[in-house]
Amino acid sequence: MLLPRFGGLIVLGSFAYGVAIYGRMAYITAVEGFNSWAWMLVFLAPMTLLAVPAAIIVLKNRNHRLGRRLTTPVLVVTVLTGLLAIGNSPPVGSFIGHYKAAQLSRGLQVPPFESSQGLSTLDYADKLAADFKLQGSLIAIGSAAAFFVLVRRGAIFVRRPKPAPTTETSP
């Protein structure tokens, strides 16, 4: 039962990273007066509300069959959410645009290395937003795939108790 638990830990770890990144982006966006962070939260909620409880179920090992059954919906919803995010679907596109505008209005500074390569402040803001979007999507998809494989594969290695030998008595 170790492999499924690794899968649960991977999902929880990647979602913790996602919450940290999204939280920072949402804070910057909200402080500058944009409300697209709320729509982004609504967009991410189904994936989160499905994946996190599934990972906890697998980690607690209370009902491994339920955790195993949830791997497919977790994978499908996460892949769809990630692909929609990469494709700039409406809540993602407006949130990323507002995040860039908020960064620029807060006085985003281009680091020396990027500045020496000729990146302007606007180009650097575009690069940051695109990096966050792509990294978040790929990490979510990768962790859901790892969860699927580890929980499904780990269920094969589960040892079932041998039935107790029966002694037949003749009348």
Protein backbone atom coordinates (compact mmCIF):
# COMPACT_ATOMS: atom_id res chain seq x y z
CA MET A 1 0.00 0.00 0.00
CA LEU A 2 3.04 2.26 -0.26
CA LEU A 3 2.72 3.21 -3.95
CA PRO A 4 -0.80 4.66 -3.65
CA ARG A 5 0.32 6.74 -0.69
CA PHE A 6 3.18 8.16 -2.72
CA GLY A 7 0.59 9.12 -5.32
CA GLY A 8 -1.49 10.88 -2.67
CA LEU A 9 1.56 12.75 -1.39
CA ILE A 10 2.46 13.85 -4.92
CA VAL A 11 -1.03 15.28 -5.47
CA LEU A 12 -1.09 17.08 -2.14
CA GLY A 13 2.42 18.46 -2.67
CA SER A 14 1.65 19.75 -6.13
CA PHE A 15 -1.59 21.33 -4.97
CA ALA A 16 0.25 23.00 -2.08
CA TYR A 17 2.66 24.49 -4.63
CA GLY A 18 -0.29 25.56 -6.77
CA VAL A 19 -2.01 27.24 -3.84
CA ALA A 20 1.18 29.17 -3.04
CA ILE A 21 1.61 30.39 -6.62
CA TYR A 22 -2.08 31.15 -7.16
CA GLY A 23 -2.32 32.84 -3.77
CA ARG A 24 0.53 35.20 -4.64
CA MET A 25 -0.92 35.97 -8.06
CA ALA A 26 -4.44 36.45 -6.67
CA TYR A 27 -3.19 38.75 -3.92
CA ILE A 28 -1.32 40.97 -6.38
CA THR A 29 -4.34 41.04 -8.69
CA ALA A 30 -6.84 41.77 -5.89
CA VAL A 31 -4.75 44.51 -4.31
CA GLU A 32 -4.71 46.36 -7.61
CA GLY A 33 -8.51 46.27 -7.78
CA PHE A 34 -9.15 43.44 -10.24
CA ASN A 35 -11.71 40.74 -9.44
CA SER A 36 -10.69 38.13 -12.00
CA TRP A 37 -9.02 36.16 -9.20
CA ALA A 38 -12.50 35.12 -7.99
CA TRP A 39 -13.45 33.72 -11.42
CA MET A 40 -10.14 31.89 -11.53
CA LEU A 41 -10.92 30.39 -8.14
CA VAL A 42 -14.29 29.17 -9.45
CA PHE A 43 -12.51 27.73 -12.51
CA LEU A 44 -10.00 25.79 -10.35
CA ALA A 45 -12.51 24.62 -7.72
CA PRO A 46 -13.82 21.43 -9.43
CA MET A 47 -10.32 20.08 -9.96
CA THR A 48 -9.30 20.89 -6.40
CA LEU A 49 -12.49 19.59 -4.81
CA LEU A 50 -12.02 16.27 -6.60
CA ALA A 51 -8.26 15.73 -6.38
CA VAL A 52 -7.53 16.72 -2.78
CA PRO A 53 -10.20 14.51 -1.14
CA ALA A 54 -9.18 11.61 -3.40
CA ALA A 55 -5.56 12.00 -2.28
CA ILE A 56 -6.62 12.16 1.37
CA ILE A 57 -8.77 9.04 0.98
CA VAL A 58 -5.80 7.17 -0.48
CA LEU A 59 -3.45 8.45 2.23
CA LYS A 60 -5.80 7.48 5.04
CA ASN A 61 -6.40 4.11 3.37
CA ARG A 62 -9.92 4.02 4.69
CA ASN A 63 -11.48 3.05 1.44
CA HIS A 64 -8.81 2.23 -1.10
CA ARG A 65 -11.39 1.11 -3.65
CA LEU A 66 -13.02 4.54 -3.61
CA GLY A 67 -9.62 6.19 -4.01
CA ARG A 68 -8.86 3.89 -6.92
CA ARG A 69 -12.19 4.69 -8.56
CA LEU A 70 -11.54 8.41 -8.22
CA THR A 71 -8.23 8.28 -10.12
CA THR A 72 -9.87 8.41 -13.54
CA PRO A 73 -12.13 11.42 -12.82
CA VAL A 74 -9.18 13.21 -11.16
CA LEU A 75 -7.03 12.63 -14.23
CA VAL A 76 -9.74 13.68 -16.71
CA VAL A 77 -10.77 16.85 -14.84
CA THR A 78 -7.15 17.87 -14.22
CA VAL A 79 -6.10 17.34 -17.84
CA LEU A 80 -9.12 19.31 -19.10
CA THR A 81 -8.47 22.13 -16.63
CA GLY A 82 -4.78 22.21 -17.54
CA LEU A 83 -5.46 22.26 -21.28
CA LEU A 84 -8.05 25.02 -20.88
CA ALA A 85 -5.53 27.02 -18.85
CA ILE A 86 -2.79 26.56 -21.44
CA GLY A 87 -5.27 27.56 -24.16
CA ASN A 88 -6.18 30.80 -22.32
CA SER A 89 -9.86 29.99 -21.84
CA PRO A 90 -11.91 33.01 -20.64
CA PRO A 91 -11.27 32.99 -16.87
CA VAL A 92 -7.58 32.20 -17.34
CA GLY A 93 -6.95 34.75 -20.07
CA SER A 94 -8.51 37.63 -18.15
CA PHE A 95 -6.79 36.62 -14.91
CA ILE A 96 -3.39 36.46 -16.62
CA GLY A 97 -4.03 39.84 -18.30
CA HIS A 98 -5.02 41.41 -15.01
CA TYR A 99 -2.02 39.86 -13.28
CA LYS A 100 0.32 41.39 -15.86
CA ALA A 101 -1.38 44.79 -15.50
CA ALA A 102 -1.16 44.55 -11.70
CA GLN A 103 2.53 43.64 -11.85
CA LEU A 104 3.25 46.58 -14.14
CA SER A 105 1.28 49.03 -12.00
CA ARG A 106 3.21 47.88 -8.93
CA GLY A 107 6.50 48.74 -10.63
CA LEU A 108 7.79 45.38 -11.80
CA GLN A 109 11.59 45.36 -11.98
CA VAL A 110 13.38 43.35 -14.64
CA PRO A 111 16.29 41.36 -13.15
CA PRO A 112 19.76 42.28 -14.49
CA PHE A 113 20.22 39.06 -16.46
CA GLU A 114 16.94 39.45 -18.35
CA SER A 115 17.59 43.16 -18.78
CA SER A 116 20.97 42.45 -20.35
CA GLN A 117 19.19 40.21 -22.86
CA GLY A 118 17.05 43.14 -23.92
CA LEU A 119 13.78 42.21 -22.16
CA SER A 120 11.54 45.19 -21.51
CA THR A 121 9.31 45.39 -18.46
CA LEU A 122 6.30 44.41 -20.55
CA ASP A 123 8.13 41.44 -22.08
CA TYR A 124 9.25 40.32 -18.63
CA ALA A 125 5.68 40.55 -17.28
CA ASP A 126 4.48 38.45 -20.23
CA LYS A 127 7.23 35.90 -19.58
CA LEU A 128 6.40 35.63 -15.86
CA ALA A 129 2.68 35.17 -16.47
CA ALA A 130 3.24 32.59 -19.21
CA ASP A 131 5.73 30.69 -17.03
CA PHE A 132 3.34 30.55 -14.07
CA LYS A 133 0.47 29.40 -16.29
CA LEU A 134 2.48 26.69 -18.05
CA GLN A 135 4.25 25.46 -14.92
CA GLY A 136 1.01 25.25 -12.95
CA SER A 137 -0.77 23.38 -15.72
CA LEU A 138 2.04 20.89 -16.34
CA ILE A 139 2.59 20.23 -12.64
CA ALA A 140 -1.13 19.59 -12.12
CA ILE A 141 -1.36 17.26 -15.14
CA GLY A 142 1.84 15.44 -14.17
CA SER A 143 0.78 14.93 -10.58
CA ALA A 144 -2.66 13.66 -11.64
CA ALA A 145 -1.00 11.21 -14.04
CA ALA A 146 1.38 10.04 -11.30
CA PHE A 147 -1.57 9.67 -8.93
CA PHE A 148 -3.44 7.60 -11.52
CA VAL A 149 -0.50 5.30 -12.20
CA LEU A 150 0.66 4.87 -8.61
CA VAL A 151 -2.79 4.24 -7.14
CA ARG A 152 -3.80 1.88 -9.95
CA ARG A 153 -0.44 0.09 -9.92
CA GLY A 154 -0.31 -0.05 -6.14
CA ALA A 155 -3.70 -1.73 -6.00
CA ILE A 156 -2.30 -4.66 -7.98
CA PHE A 157 0.33 -5.33 -5.34
CA VAL A 158 -2.12 -5.42 -2.45
CA ARG A 159 -1.92 -8.73 -0.67
CA ARG A 160 -5.23 -10.22 0.07
CA PRO A 161 -5.44 -12.38 3.15
CA LYS A 162 -5.57 -16.07 2.45
CA PRO A 163 -8.86 -17.68 3.30
CA ALA A 164 -8.80 -19.73 6.46
CA PRO A 165 -8.52 -23.42 5.79
CA THR A 166 -11.81 -25.18 6.20
CA THR A 167 -12.03 -28.44 7.92
CA GLU A 168 -14.77 -30.62 6.73
CA THR A 169 -16.39 -32.91 9.22
CA SER A 170 -18.23 -35.92 8.04
CA PRO A 171 -21.44 -36.95 9.71
